Amino acid sequence: MQKSTDELTQSAKDKLGSAPGSEKPYRLYSAGAVGPAIRMYRERAGLTQDQLAQMAGVNRTYLSDLERGNETEQLRRILRLLKLLGVRATLQEADW
């Protein structure tokens, strides 16, 4: 039996929220770094690519491309804008 999106989301939150703040933020120095960060957090949550893609409403192949470090133009633009503003992008597990 396949889990619902709500069940998968709660399961991921439970696993990620077990030790909030215990990890240092994941710094994004390039658009290509977003994918490996997504993979790390997805695996830590115990989710498959199919499960996360379903939860996010994206194709699994798109998620796979991101996780392999394939950059998208949108990500490059966002990071370029942040850099011009003197802002560093980091990812950190939410405590909610």
Foldseek 3Di string as FASTA:
>chain_A
DDDDLVVLVVLLCVQLQPDFPPDDWAWDPAQLSQQCVVVVSCVSSVHDLVSVCVNVVHDSVVSVCSNNSNGDPVSRVVVVVCVVVVHTDTHGRDND
